[in-house]
Amino acid sequence: MAGRVDLDGNPIKPMTICMIGAGGFIGSHLCEKLMSETEHKVLAVDVYSDKIKHLLEPASLPWAGRIQFHRLNIKNDSRLEGLIKMADLTINLAAICTPADYNTRPLDTIYSNFIDALPVVKYCSENGKRLIHFSTCEVYGKTIGSFLPKDSQLRQDPAYYVLKEDTSPCIFGSIEKQRWSYACAKQLIERLIYAEGAENGLEFTIVRPFNWIGPRMDFIPGIDGPSEGVPRVLACFSNNLLRREPLKLVDGGQSQRTFVYIKDAIEAVHLMIENPARANGQIFNVGNPNNEVTVRQLAEMMTEVYAKVSGEPPLEAATIDVSSKEFYGEGYDDSDKRIPDMTIINKQLGWNPKTSLWDLLDSTLTYQHRTYAEAIRKAISKPVAS
């Protein structure tokens, strides 16, 4: 690790990072990267530590002393400002980011993603601390192309659907479509951060993830998360596969998405951390436009990959169609496509994703089958009390 340099050839000095949401999917992978490949210190802030327990214990680990876990909820804990003051950089990963919650818990969604983030931005700005804030590709909302007639040739023109950080408009559905509560809250905190940079000199980087996928993502309902919860699409499909149930395609599964492997995405964040001169003041899409599929195609590929991983033949009827109202409840709406333009991150940081969709699904489903299959078999086989 000695003698490491940034992209401009400058020595990289060890820093202290306050990571809010360190115990989650992204945070756990980022902590692993920082512990194994750098000399940076992490103040890991979260309400849960399950996903980073392997980094905290035992005390004989080579990075012992460089990661400290602080159990606190940023909603109401006065210790937060002190931790931000102790750090050189704050990374805010805290969010409610499960689509099923956007229109069933819109108040929680707005408070979590806007109101609760305000003190973090304020403390960074007032104390002259750098901030890397995690936003979402949802801030783009719908594409221009989705408003064109279905038979319009313009729908094929990338100018109408490829999403660019500095030029694409952010288009949401009507107010009664509460599904946009998340996107709107995330966009507003982005605007506030940008304004703090412009008016008060806050050094910031905003990250817009496009479906980061890998081991430890989301939760499997009733096994490592709430039994009544509905996680995001890939974890939903994983849950169905593990339970040998048909995969539910919302409104026919016609929405298009891109997926990027968590380890590729974490490499991009690592570059942002260690290259502030190139990352400050930037908004970065982080995704893989080469891994674009419809949700239906994703279901078909996951079914094929899981059969390989598990050795179990796929169900005869592997998918079923459900309406968005039936699956998510009243007030749901969706974006048609989410294809990231990668020009800015490639120019600033030289980053490109590497892992194919098949390979990232293979890695994720192998982990999930190994970790959860036995627990689910036991849960399914338990006798129901009469």
Foldseek 3Di string as FASTA:
>chain_A
DPPDAAPVRHGFDAWEEEEAPLQADLNQLLVVCCQPPHLHAYAYEEQDNVSNVVVADDCPPPSRVRYHYDHDDLQDDPCVLVSQLRTQEYEYPWADDFLLCQLVPLVCRLCRLAVSCVVVLVSCLVNVHAYEYEFALCLQPAWQLVPDPPPDPCVVPVVGPADEPPDRHRDHDDVLLSSCSNSVSRVVNVVVSLVSCVPRVHWYFYEHEFAEFFARHDDQDPFRDPVPDDGDQVSQLLNCVLLLHAREQAPNQQAKGFYAYSVLQSVLVVSCVRCSVLGTPYYAYDTALVRMDGSVVVSVLLQVLLCVLPVDHHDPRRHDYDYCCVVSNPSHDHYRYHGYDHVSSCVRRVGDTDDYPNVRSNRHSNNCCVPPSVVSVVVVPDDDDD
